[in-house]
Amino acid sequence: EEWLTELVLSRLAGLGLVTLELGAVTPRPALGRFALRATPGLVGAAAE
């Protein structure tokens, strides 16, 4: 969970969806445009 979380957060920060500083994660407003919708088998989940 440590390296996976770091990988995910670095991607979200690069897209301007979160900021990372002093051991904290701050969600930014544009993150509100994403939601998870289920697809058959769940593995193919996508953002919209």
All heavy atoms as atom14 arrays in JSON, in Angstrom:
{
  "sequence": "EEWLTELVLSRLAGLGLVTLELGAVTPRPALGRFALRATPGLVGAAAE",
  "atom14_mask": [
    [1, 1, 1, 1, 1, 1, 1, 1, 1, 0, 0, 0, 0, 0],
    [1, 1, 1, 1, 1, 1, 1, 1, 1, 0, 0, 0, 0, 0],
    [1, 1, 1, 1, 1, 1, 1, 1, 1, 1, 1, 1, 1, 1],
    [1, 1, 1, 1, 1, 1, 1, 1, 0, 0, 0, 0, 0, 0],
    [1, 1, 1, 1, 1, 1, 1, 0, 0, 0, 0, 0, 0, 0],
    [1, 1, 1, 1, 1, 1, 1, 1, 1, 0, 0, 0, 0, 0],
    [1, 1, 1, 1, 1, 1, 1, 1, 0, 0, 0, 0, 0, 0],
    [1, 1, 1, 1, 1, 1, 1, 0, 0, 0, 0, 0, 0, 0],
    [1, 1, 1, 1, 1, 1, 1, 1, 0, 0, 0, 0, 0, 0],
    [1, 1, 1, 1, 1, 1, 0, 0, 0, 0, 0, 0, 0, 0],
    [1, 1, 1, 1, 1, 1, 1, 1, 1, 1, 1, 0, 0, 0],
    [1, 1, 1, 1, 1, 1, 1, 1, 0, 0, 0, 0, 0, 0],
    [1, 1, 1, 1, 1, 0, 0, 0, 0, 0, 0, 0, 0, 0],
    [1, 1, 1, 1, 0, 0, 0, 0, 0, 0, 0, 0, 0, 0],
    [1, 1, 1, 1, 1, 1, 1, 1, 0, 0, 0, 0, 0, 0],
    [1, 1, 1, 1, 0, 0, 0, 0, 0, 0, 0, 0, 0, 0],
    [1, 1, 1, 1, 1, 1, 1, 1, 0, 0, 0, 0, 0, 0],
    [1, 1, 1, 1, 1, 1, 1, 0, 0, 0, 0, 0, 0, 0],
    [1, 1, 1, 1, 1, 1, 1, 0, 0, 0, 0, 0, 0, 0],
    [1, 1, 1, 1, 1, 1, 1, 1, 0, 0, 0, 0, 0, 0],
    [1, 1, 1, 1, 1, 1, 1, 1, 1, 0, 0, 0, 0, 0],
    [1, 1, 1, 1, 1, 1, 1, 1, 0, 0, 0, 0, 0, 0],
    [1, 1, 1, 1, 0, 0, 0, 0, 0, 0, 0, 0, 0, 0],
    [1, 1, 1, 1, 1, 0, 0, 0, 0, 0, 0, 0, 0, 0],
    [1, 1, 1, 1, 1, 1, 1, 0, 0, 0, 0, 0, 0, 0],
    [1, 1, 1, 1, 1, 1, 1, 0, 0, 0, 0, 0, 0, 0],
    [1, 1, 1, 1, 1, 1, 1, 0, 0, 0, 0, 0, 0, 0],
    [1, 1, 1, 1, 1, 1, 1, 1, 1, 1, 1, 0, 0, 0],
    [1, 1, 1, 1, 1, 1, 1, 0, 0, 0, 0, 0, 0, 0],
    [1, 1, 1, 1, 1, 0, 0, 0, 0, 0, 0, 0, 0, 0],
    [1, 1, 1, 1, 1, 1, 1, 1, 0, 0, 0, 0, 0, 0],
    [1, 1, 1, 1, 0, 0, 0, 0, 0, 0, 0, 0, 0, 0],
    [1, 1, 1, 1, 1, 1, 1, 1, 1, 1, 1, 0, 0, 0],
    [1, 1, 1, 1, 1, 1, 1, 1, 1, 1, 1, 0, 0, 0],
    [1, 1, 1, 1, 1, 0, 0, 0, 0, 0, 0, 0, 0, 0],
    [1, 1, 1, 1, 1, 1, 1, 1, 0, 0, 0, 0, 0, 0],
    [1, 1, 1, 1, 1, 1, 1, 1, 1, 1, 1, 0, 0, 0],
    [1, 1, 1, 1, 1, 0, 0, 0, 0, 0, 0, 0, 0, 0],
    [1, 1, 1, 1, 1, 1, 1, 0, 0, 0, 0, 0, 0, 0],
    [1, 1, 1, 1, 1, 1, 1, 0, 0, 0, 0, 0, 0, 0],
    [1, 1, 1, 1, 0, 0, 0, 0, 0, 0, 0, 0, 0, 0],
    [1, 1, 1, 1, 1, 1, 1, 1, 0, 0, 0, 0, 0, 0],
    [1, 1, 1, 1, 1, 1, 1, 0, 0, 0, 0, 0, 0, 0],
    [1, 1, 1, 1, 0, 0, 0, 0, 0, 0, 0, 0, 0, 0],
    [1, 1, 1, 1, 1, 0, 0, 0, 0, 0, 0, 0, 0, 0],
    [1, 1, 1, 1, 1, 0, 0, 0, 0, 0, 0, 0, 0, 0],
    [1, 1, 1, 1, 1, 0, 0, 0, 0, 0, 0, 0, 0, 0],
    [1, 1, 1, 1, 1, 1, 1, 1, 1, 0, 0, 0, 0, 0]
  ],
  "atom14_positions": [
    [[0.82, -1.21, 0.0], [0.0, 0.0, 0.0], [0.86, 1.26, 0.0], [0.41, 2.33, -0.46], [-0.95, 0.0, 1.21], [-0.3, 0.23, 2.56], [0.29, -1.05, 3.14], [0.24, -2.1, 2.46], [0.79, -0.98, 4.28], [0.0, 0.0, 0.0], [0.0, 0.0, 0.0], [0.0, 0.0, 0.0], [0.0, 0.0, 0.0], [0.0, 0.0, 0.0]],
    [[2.1, 1.17, 0.48], [2.95, 2.37, 0.54], [3.4, 2.79, -0.85], [3.22, 3.95, -1.25], [4.15, 2.1, 1.45], [3.77, 1.87, 2.92], [4.99, 1.75, 3.8], [6.12, 2.02, 3.31], [4.84, 1.39, 4.98], [0.0, 0.0, 0.0], [0.0, 0.0, 0.0], [0.0, 0.0, 0.0], [0.0, 0.0, 0.0], [0.0, 0.0, 0.0]],
    [[4.01, 1.87, -1.61], [4.49, 2.28, -2.93], [3.35, 2.49, -3.91], [3.44, 3.34, -4.81], [5.51, 1.27, -3.48], [5.03, -0.13, -3.7], [5.13, -1.18, -2.84], [4.4, -0.65, -4.88], [4.58, -2.32, -3.4], [4.13, -2.03, -4.65], [4.02, -0.1, -6.1], [3.52, -2.84, -5.59], [3.41, -0.9, -7.05], [3.16, -2.27, -6.79]],
    [[2.25, 1.74, -3.75], [1.11, 1.97, -4.63], [0.48, 3.33, -4.38], [0.13, 4.06, -5.31], [0.06, 0.87, -4.43], [0.13, -0.35, -5.35], [-0.91, -1.38, -4.94], [-0.08, 0.06, -6.8], [0.0, 0.0, 0.0], [0.0, 0.0, 0.0], [0.0, 0.0, 0.0], [0.0, 0.0, 0.0], [0.0, 0.0, 0.0], [0.0, 0.0, 0.0]],
    [[0.35, 3.7, -3.11], [-0.22, 5.01, -2.77], [0.67, 6.13, -3.3], [0.17, 7.12, -3.85], [-0.38, 5.14, -1.25], [-1.26, 4.12, -0.77], [-0.97, 6.5, -0.89], [0.0, 0.0, 0.0], [0.0, 0.0, 0.0], [0.0, 0.0, 0.0], [0.0, 0.0, 0.0], [0.0, 0.0, 0.0], [0.0, 0.0, 0.0], [0.0, 0.0, 0.0]],
    [[1.97, 5.98, -3.15], [2.9, 7.01, -3.65], [2.78, 7.17, -5.17], [2.78, 8.29, -5.69], [4.33, 6.63, -3.27], [5.37, 7.65, -3.7], [6.77, 7.27, -3.27], [6.91, 6.33, -2.47], [7.72, 7.92, -3.75], [0.0, 0.0, 0.0], [0.0, 0.0, 0.0], [0.0, 0.0, 0.0], [0.0, 0.0, 0.0], [0.0, 0.0, 0.0]],
    [[2.65, 6.03, -5.88], [2.52, 6.07, -7.32], [1.23, 6.78, -7.74], [1.23, 7.64, -8.63], [2.55, 4.65, -7.89], [2.5, 4.49, -9.41], [3.74, 5.1, -10.03], [2.39, 3.02, -9.78], [0.0, 0.0, 0.0], [0.0, 0.0, 0.0], [0.0, 0.0, 0.0], [0.0, 0.0, 0.0], [0.0, 0.0, 0.0], [0.0, 0.0, 0.0]],
    [[0.12, 6.44, -7.06], [-1.17, 7.03, -7.39], [-1.17, 8.53, -7.09], [-1.63, 9.34, -7.91], [-2.3, 6.31, -6.62], [-3.6, 7.11, -6.7], [-2.51, 4.91, -7.16], [0.0, 0.0, 0.0], [0.0, 0.0, 0.0], [0.0, 0.0, 0.0], [0.0, 0.0, 0.0], [0.0, 0.0, 0.0], [0.0, 0.0, 0.0], [0.0, 0.0, 0.0]],
    [[-0.67, 8.92, -5.93], [-0.71, 10.32, -5.55], [0.18, 11.18, -6.45], [-0.16, 12.33, -6.75], [-0.29, 10.48, -4.09], [-1.27, 9.93, -3.05], [-0.73, 10.11, -1.65], [-2.65, 10.58, -3.18], [0.0, 0.0, 0.0], [0.0, 0.0, 0.0], [0.0, 0.0, 0.0], [0.0, 0.0, 0.0], [0.0, 0.0, 0.0], [0.0, 0.0, 0.0]],
    [[1.3, 10.64, -6.89], [2.16, 11.41, -7.79], [1.45, 11.66, -9.12], [1.58, 12.75, -9.71], [3.49, 10.68, -8.03], [3.3, 9.45, -8.69], [0.0, 0.0, 0.0], [0.0, 0.0, 0.0], [0.0, 0.0, 0.0], [0.0, 0.0, 0.0], [0.0, 0.0, 0.0], [0.0, 0.0, 0.0], [0.0, 0.0, 0.0], [0.0, 0.0, 0.0]],
    [[0.67, 10.69, -9.57], [-0.11, 10.88, -10.81], [-1.2, 11.92, -10.59], [-1.4, 12.82, -11.42], [-0.72, 9.55, -11.26], [-1.65, 9.66, -12.47], [-0.91, 10.07, -13.72], [0.01, 9.04, -14.13], [-0.3, 8.04, -14.97], [-1.51, 7.96, -15.46], [0.6, 7.15, -15.31], [0.0, 0.0, 0.0], [0.0, 0.0, 0.0], [0.0, 0.0, 0.0]],
    [[-1.92, 11.84, -9.5], [-2.98, 12.81, -9.22], [-2.42, 14.22, -9.05], [-3.04, 15.2, -9.49], [-3.76, 12.39, -7.97], [-4.57, 11.1, -8.07], [-5.23, 10.77, -6.73], [-5.64, 11.21, -9.16], [0.0, 0.0, 0.0], [0.0, 0.0, 0.0], [0.0, 0.0, 0.0], [0.0, 0.0, 0.0], [0.0, 0.0, 0.0], [0.0, 0.0, 0.0]],
    [[-1.25, 14.33, -8.42], [-0.63, 15.64, -8.26], [-0.21, 16.22, -9.61], [-0.37, 17.41, -9.86], [0.58, 15.54, -7.33], [0.0, 0.0, 0.0], [0.0, 0.0, 0.0], [0.0, 0.0, 0.0], [0.0, 0.0, 0.0], [0.0, 0.0, 0.0], [0.0, 0.0, 0.0], [0.0, 0.0, 0.0], [0.0, 0.0, 0.0], [0.0, 0.0, 0.0]],
    [[0.31, 15.36, -10.49], [0.7, 15.82, -11.81], [-0.46, 16.3, -12.64], [-0.29, 17.13, -13.54], [0.0, 0.0, 0.0], [0.0, 0.0, 0.0], [0.0, 0.0, 0.0], [0.0, 0.0, 0.0], [0.0, 0.0, 0.0], [0.0, 0.0, 0.0], [0.0, 0.0, 0.0], [0.0, 0.0, 0.0], [0.0, 0.0, 0.0], [0.0, 0.0, 0.0]],
    [[-1.65, 15.81, -12.36], [-2.85, 16.22, -13.09], [-3.57, 17.38, -12.41], [-4.66, 17.77, -12.82], [-3.81, 15.03, -13.22], [-3.3, 13.88, -14.1], [-4.25, 12.69, -14.04], [-3.13, 14.34, -15.54], [0.0, 0.0, 0.0], [0.0, 0.0, 0.0], [0.0, 0.0, 0.0], [0.0, 0.0, 0.0], [0.0, 0.0, 0.0], [0.0, 0.0, 0.0]],
    [[-2.98, 17.93, -11.36], [-3.58, 19.06, -10.68], [-4.8, 18.71, -9.87], [-5.62, 19.57, -9.56], [0.0, 0.0, 0.0], [0.0, 0.0, 0.0], [0.0, 0.0, 0.0], [0.0, 0.0, 0.0], [0.0, 0.0, 0.0], [0.0, 0.0, 0.0], [0.0, 0.0, 0.0], [0.0, 0.0, 0.0], [0.0, 0.0, 0.0], [0.0, 0.0, 0.0]],
    [[-4.91, 17.44, -9.45], [-6.09, 16.99, -8.71], [-5.86, 16.96, -7.2], [-6.83, 16.97, -6.43], [-6.52, 15.61, -9.2], [-6.85, 15.53, -10.7], [-7.2, 14.11, -11.1], [-7.99, 16.48, -11.05], [0.0, 0.0, 0.0], [0.0, 0.0, 0.0], [0.0, 0.0, 0.0], [0.0, 0.0, 0.0], [0.0, 0.0, 0.0], [0.0, 0.0, 0.0]],
    [[-4.6, 16.9, -6.77], [-4.26, 16.98, -5.36], [-2.95, 17.75, -5.24], [-2.2, 17.89, -6.21], [-4.1, 15.59, -4.69], [-5.36, 14.74, -4.85], [-2.89, 14.85, -5.26], [0.0, 0.0, 0.0], [0.0, 0.0, 0.0], [0.0, 0.0, 0.0], [0.0, 0.0, 0.0], [0.0, 0.0, 0.0], [0.0, 0.0, 0.0], [0.0, 0.0, 0.0]],
    [[-2.68, 18.25, -4.04], [-1.35, 18.81, -3.74], [-0.73, 17.98, -2.63], [-1.43, 17.49, -1.73], [-1.44, 20.28, -3.31], [-2.32, 20.39, -2.19], [-1.96, 21.14, -4.43], [0.0, 0.0, 0.0], [0.0, 0.0, 0.0], [0.0, 0.0, 0.0], [0.0, 0.0, 0.0], [0.0, 0.0, 0.0], [0.0, 0.0, 0.0], [0.0, 0.0, 0.0]],
    [[0.59, 17.81, -2.69], [1.33, 17.02, -1.71], [2.36, 17.91, -1.04], [3.21, 18.51, -1.71], [2.04, 15.85, -2.4], [1.18, 14.94, -3.28], [2.05, 13.89, -3.97], [0.11, 14.27, -2.46], [0.0, 0.0, 0.0], [0.0, 0.0, 0.0], [0.0, 0.0, 0.0], [0.0, 0.0, 0.0], [0.0, 0.0, 0.0], [0.0, 0.0, 0.0]],
    [[2.27, 18.03, 0.28], [3.27, 18.8, 1.01], [3.21, 18.45, 2.49], [2.14, 18.22, 3.06], [3.05, 20.3, 0.83], [1.66, 20.79, 1.18], [1.48, 22.27, 0.9], [2.41, 22.9, 0.37], [0.4, 22.79, 1.22], [0.0, 0.0, 0.0], [0.0, 0.0, 0.0], [0.0, 0.0, 0.0], [0.0, 0.0, 0.0], [0.0, 0.0, 0.0]],
    [[4.4, 18.37, 3.09], [4.55, 18.14, 4.53], [3.77, 16.91, 5.0], [3.1, 16.94, 6.03], [4.11, 19.38, 5.3], [4.87, 20.68, 4.99], [4.27, 21.85, 5.75], [6.34, 20.52, 5.28], [0.0, 0.0, 0.0], [0.0, 0.0, 0.0], [0.0, 0.0, 0.0], [0.0, 0.0, 0.0], [0.0, 0.0, 0.0], [0.0, 0.0, 0.0]],
    [[3.83, 15.83, 4.24], [3.17, 14.59, 4.64], [1.67, 14.64, 4.59], [1.0, 13.79, 5.21], [0.0, 0.0, 0.0], [0.0, 0.0, 0.0], [0.0, 0.0, 0.0], [0.0, 0.0, 0.0], [0.0, 0.0, 0.0], [0.0, 0.0, 0.0], [0.0, 0.0, 0.0], [0.0, 0.0, 0.0], [0.0, 0.0, 0.0], [0.0, 0.0, 0.0]],
    [[1.1, 15.59, 3.85], [-0.36, 15.72, 3.77], [-0.8, 15.73, 2.31], [-0.05, 16.13, 1.41], [-0.83, 16.99, 4.47], [0.0, 0.0, 0.0], [0.0, 0.0, 0.0], [0.0, 0.0, 0.0], [0.0, 0.0, 0.0], [0.0, 0.0, 0.0], [0.0, 0.0, 0.0], [0.0, 0.0, 0.0], [0.0, 0.0, 0.0], [0.0, 0.0, 0.0]],
    [[-2.03, 15.31, 2.09], [-2.64, 15.27, 0.76], [-3.87, 16.16, 0.79], [-4.79, 15.94, 1.59], [-3.05, 13.84, 0.36], [-3.64, 13.83, -1.05], [-1.87, 12.89, 0.48], [0.0, 0.0, 0.0], [0.0, 0.0, 0.0], [0.0, 0.0, 0.0], [0.0, 0.0, 0.0], [0.0, 0.0, 0.0], [0.0, 0.0, 0.0], [0.0, 0.0, 0.0]],
    [[-3.92, 17.18, -0.07], [-5.06, 18.08, -0.13], [-5.77, 17.92, -1.46], [-5.21, 18.25, -2.51], [-4.63, 19.54, 0.05], [-3.91, 19.69, 1.27], [-5.84, 20.46, 0.05], [0.0, 0.0, 0.0], [0.0, 0.0, 0.0], [0.0, 0.0, 0.0], [0.0, 0.0, 0.0], [0.0, 0.0, 0.0], [0.0, 0.0, 0.0], [0.0, 0.0, 0.0]],
    [[-6.99, 17.38, -1.47], [-7.75, 17.28, -2.73], [-8.05, 18.67, -3.28], [-8.36, 19.59, -2.53], [-9.03, 16.56, -2.3], [-8.7, 15.88, -1.01], [-7.72, 16.79, -0.34], [0.0, 0.0, 0.0], [0.0, 0.0, 0.0], [0.0, 0.0, 0.0], [0.0, 0.0, 0.0], [0.0, 0.0, 0.0], [0.0, 0.0, 0.0], [0.0, 0.0, 0.0]],
    [[-7.97, 18.8, -4.6], [-8.26, 20.08, -5.24], [-9.61, 20.0, -5.95], [-10.11, 18.92, -6.26], [-7.15, 20.45, -6.22], [-5.76, 20.44, -5.56], [-4.84, 21.45, -6.18], [-5.23, 22.82, -5.86], [-4.57, 23.89, -6.3], [-3.49, 23.74, -7.06], [-4.96, 25.1, -5.98], [0.0, 0.0, 0.0], [0.0, 0.0, 0.0], [0.0, 0.0, 0.0]],
    [[-10.23, 21.15, -6.24], [-11.6, 21.15, -6.76], [-11.83, 20.3, -7.99], [-12.9, 19.68, -8.13], [-11.86, 22.64, -7.04], [-11.0, 23.36, -6.07], [-9.75, 22.52, -5.94], [0.0, 0.0, 0.0], [0.0, 0.0, 0.0], [0.0, 0.0, 0.0], [0.0, 0.0, 0.0], [0.0, 0.0, 0.0], [0.0, 0.0, 0.0], [0.0, 0.0, 0.0]],
    [[-10.87, 20.27, -8.93], [-11.08, 19.51, -10.17], [-11.27, 18.02, -9.91], [-11.8, 17.3, -10.76], [-9.92, 19.73, -11.13], [0.0, 0.0, 0.0], [0.0, 0.0, 0.0], [0.0, 0.0, 0.0], [0.0, 0.0, 0.0], [0.0, 0.0, 0.0], [0.0, 0.0, 0.0], [0.0, 0.0, 0.0], [0.0, 0.0, 0.0], [0.0, 0.0, 0.0]],
    [[-10.85, 17.53, -8.75], [-11.03, 16.12, -8.43], [-12.52, 15.78, -8.35], [-12.91, 14.62, -8.56], [-10.35, 15.79, -7.1], [-10.23, 14.32, -6.72], [-9.31, 13.59, -7.7], [-9.69, 14.17, -5.31], [0.0, 0.0, 0.0], [0.0, 0.0, 0.0], [0.0, 0.0, 0.0], [0.0, 0.0, 0.0], [0.0, 0.0, 0.0], [0.0, 0.0, 0.0]],
    [[-13.35, 16.77, -8.08], [-14.77, 16.53, -7.97], [-15.45, 16.12, -9.26], [-16.61, 15.68, -9.24], [0.0, 0.0, 0.0], [0.0, 0.0, 0.0], [0.0, 0.0, 0.0], [0.0, 0.0, 0.0], [0.0, 0.0, 0.0], [0.0, 0.0, 0.0], [0.0, 0.0, 0.0], [0.0, 0.0, 0.0], [0.0, 0.0, 0.0], [0.0, 0.0, 0.0]],
    [[-14.74, 16.22, -10.4], [-15.35, 15.83, -11.67], [-15.26, 14.34, -11.94], [-15.82, 13.84, -12.92], [-14.7, 16.6, -12.82], [-13.31, 16.11, -13.21], [-12.68, 16.99, -14.26], [-13.45, 17.02, -15.49], [-13.33, 16.1, -16.47], [-12.49, 15.09, -16.32], [-14.03, 16.2, -17.56], [0.0, 0.0, 0.0], [0.0, 0.0, 0.0], [0.0, 0.0, 0.0]],
    [[-14.53, 13.61, -11.09], [-14.34, 12.19, -11.34], [-15.2, 11.34, -10.42], [-15.38, 11.65, -9.24], [-12.87, 11.8, -11.17], [-11.98, 12.4, -12.21], [-11.23, 13.52, -11.95], [-11.93, 11.85, -13.48], [-10.43, 14.1, -12.9], [-11.13, 12.41, -14.46], [-10.38, 13.54, -14.17], [0.0, 0.0, 0.0], [0.0, 0.0, 0.0], [0.0, 0.0, 0.0]],
    [[-15.73, 10.27, -10.97], [-16.51, 9.3, -10.21], [-16.24, 7.93, -10.79], [-15.8, 7.79, -11.92], [-18.0, 9.63, -10.26], [0.0, 0.0, 0.0], [0.0, 0.0, 0.0], [0.0, 0.0, 0.0], [0.0, 0.0, 0.0], [0.0, 0.0, 0.0], [0.0, 0.0, 0.0], [0.0, 0.0, 0.0], [0.0, 0.0, 0.0], [0.0, 0.0, 0.0]],
    [[-16.51, 6.91, -10.0], [-16.27, 5.53, -10.43], [-17.58, 4.93, -10.87], [-18.57, 4.96, -10.14], [-15.68, 4.72, -9.27], [-15.09, 3.36, -9.62], [-13.83, 3.53, -10.44], [-14.78, 2.58, -8.35], [0.0, 0.0, 0.0], [0.0, 0.0, 0.0], [0.0, 0.0, 0.0], [0.0, 0.0, 0.0], [0.0, 0.0, 0.0], [0.0, 0.0, 0.0]],
    [[-17.61, 4.41, -12.07], [-18.8, 3.71, -12.54], [-18.44, 2.25, -12.78], [-17.39, 1.94, -13.36], [-19.37, 4.34, -13.81], [-18.4, 4.4, -14.98], [-19.08, 4.99, -16.2], [-18.16, 5.27, -17.28], [-17.74, 4.35, -18.15], [-18.17, 3.11, -18.06], [-16.89, 4.68, -19.11], [0.0, 0.0, 0.0], [0.0, 0.0, 0.0], [0.0, 0.0, 0.0]],
    [[-19.28, 1.37, -12.31], [-19.0, -0.06, -12.43], [-19.26, -0.53, -13.85], [-20.2, -0.12, -14.51], [-19.88, -0.84, -11.47], [0.0, 0.0, 0.0], [0.0, 0.0, 0.0], [0.0, 0.0, 0.0], [0.0, 0.0, 0.0], [0.0, 0.0, 0.0], [0.0, 0.0, 0.0], [0.0, 0.0, 0.0], [0.0, 0.0, 0.0], [0.0, 0.0, 0.0]],
    [[-18.38, -1.43, -14.33], [-18.57, -2.09, -15.6], [-18.52, -3.58, -15.34], [-18.11, -4.02, -14.27], [-17.46, -1.69, -16.59], [-16.19, -2.07, -16.04], [-17.48, -0.19, -16.86], [0.0, 0.0, 0.0], [0.0, 0.0, 0.0], [0.0, 0.0, 0.0], [0.0, 0.0, 0.0], [0.0, 0.0, 0.0], [0.0, 0.0, 0.0], [0.0, 0.0, 0.0]],
    [[-18.97, -4.41, -16.29], [-18.99, -5.85, -16.05], [-17.65, -6.36, -15.54], [-16.6, -6.08, -16.11], [-19.31, -6.42, -17.44], [-20.12, -5.35, -18.09], [-19.52, -4.05, -17.61], [0.0, 0.0, 0.0], [0.0, 0.0, 0.0], [0.0, 0.0, 0.0], [0.0, 0.0, 0.0], [0.0, 0.0, 0.0], [0.0, 0.0, 0.0], [0.0, 0.0, 0.0]],
    [[-17.67, -7.07, -14.42], [-16.46, -7.63, -13.85], [-15.72, -6.67, -12.95], [-14.73, -7.03, -12.34], [0.0, 0.0, 0.0], [0.0, 0.0, 0.0], [0.0, 0.0, 0.0], [0.0, 0.0, 0.0], [0.0, 0.0, 0.0], [0.0, 0.0, 0.0], [0.0, 0.0, 0.0], [0.0, 0.0, 0.0], [0.0, 0.0, 0.0], [0.0, 0.0, 0.0]],
    [[-16.14, -5.41, -12.89], [-15.56, -4.38, -12.03], [-14.15, -4.0, -12.42], [-13.73, -2.87, -12.25], [-15.59, -4.81, -10.55], [-15.17, -3.74, -9.54], [-16.13, -2.57, -9.58], [-15.11, -4.31, -8.13], [0.0, 0.0, 0.0], [0.0, 0.0, 0.0], [0.0, 0.0, 0.0], [0.0, 0.0, 0.0], [0.0, 0.0, 0.0], [0.0, 0.0, 0.0]],
    [[-13.39, -4.94, -13.01], [-12.0, -4.66, -13.32], [-11.89, -3.53, -14.34], [-10.93, -2.78, -14.36], [-11.31, -5.93, -13.86], [-9.86, -5.65, -14.22], [-11.39, -7.04, -12.84], [0.0, 0.0, 0.0], [0.0, 0.0, 0.0], [0.0, 0.0, 0.0], [0.0, 0.0, 0.0], [0.0, 0.0, 0.0], [0.0, 0.0, 0.0], [0.0, 0.0, 0.0]],
    [[-12.88, -3.38, -15.17], [-12.83, -2.34, -16.2], [-13.42, -1.04, -15.73], [-13.98, -0.29, -16.51], [0.0, 0.0, 0.0], [0.0, 0.0, 0.0], [0.0, 0.0, 0.0], [0.0, 0.0, 0.0], [0.0, 0.0, 0.0], [0.0, 0.0, 0.0], [0.0, 0.0, 0.0], [0.0, 0.0, 0.0], [0.0, 0.0, 0.0], [0.0, 0.0, 0.0]],
    [[-13.37, -0.74, -14.43], [-13.92, 0.5, -13.92], [-13.28, 1.69, -14.62], [-12.15, 1.66, -15.04], [-13.68, 0.6, -12.42], [0.0, 0.0, 0.0], [0.0, 0.0, 0.0], [0.0, 0.0, 0.0], [0.0, 0.0, 0.0], [0.0, 0.0, 0.0], [0.0, 0.0, 0.0], [0.0, 0.0, 0.0], [0.0, 0.0, 0.0], [0.0, 0.0, 0.0]],
    [[-14.07, 2.77, -14.78], [-13.57, 3.94, -15.5], [-14.07, 5.2, -14.84], [-15.01, 5.2, -14.07], [-14.04, 3.88, -16.96], [0.0, 0.0, 0.0], [0.0, 0.0, 0.0], [0.0, 0.0, 0.0], [0.0, 0.0, 0.0], [0.0, 0.0, 0.0], [0.0, 0.0, 0.0], [0.0, 0.0, 0.0], [0.0, 0.0, 0.0], [0.0, 0.0, 0.0]],
    [[-13.4, 6.29, -15.18], [-13.77, 7.6, -14.61], [-14.65, 8.35, -15.58], [-14.52, 8.22, -16.79], [-12.51, 8.4, -14.32], [0.0, 0.0, 0.0], [0.0, 0.0, 0.0], [0.0, 0.0, 0.0], [0.0, 0.0, 0.0], [0.0, 0.0, 0.0], [0.0, 0.0, 0.0], [0.0, 0.0, 0.0], [0.0, 0.0, 0.0], [0.0, 0.0, 0.0]],
    [[-15.55, 9.15, -15.04], [-16.36, 9.99, -15.89], [-16.62, 11.31, -15.17], [-16.58, 11.4, -13.94], [-17.69, 9.31, -16.23], [-18.54, 9.02, -15.01], [-19.86, 8.34, -15.37], [-20.06, 8.06, -16.56], [-20.65, 8.11, -14.46], [0.0, 0.0, 0.0], [0.0, 0.0, 0.0], [0.0, 0.0, 0.0], [0.0, 0.0, 0.0], [0.0, 0.0, 0.0]]
  ]
}
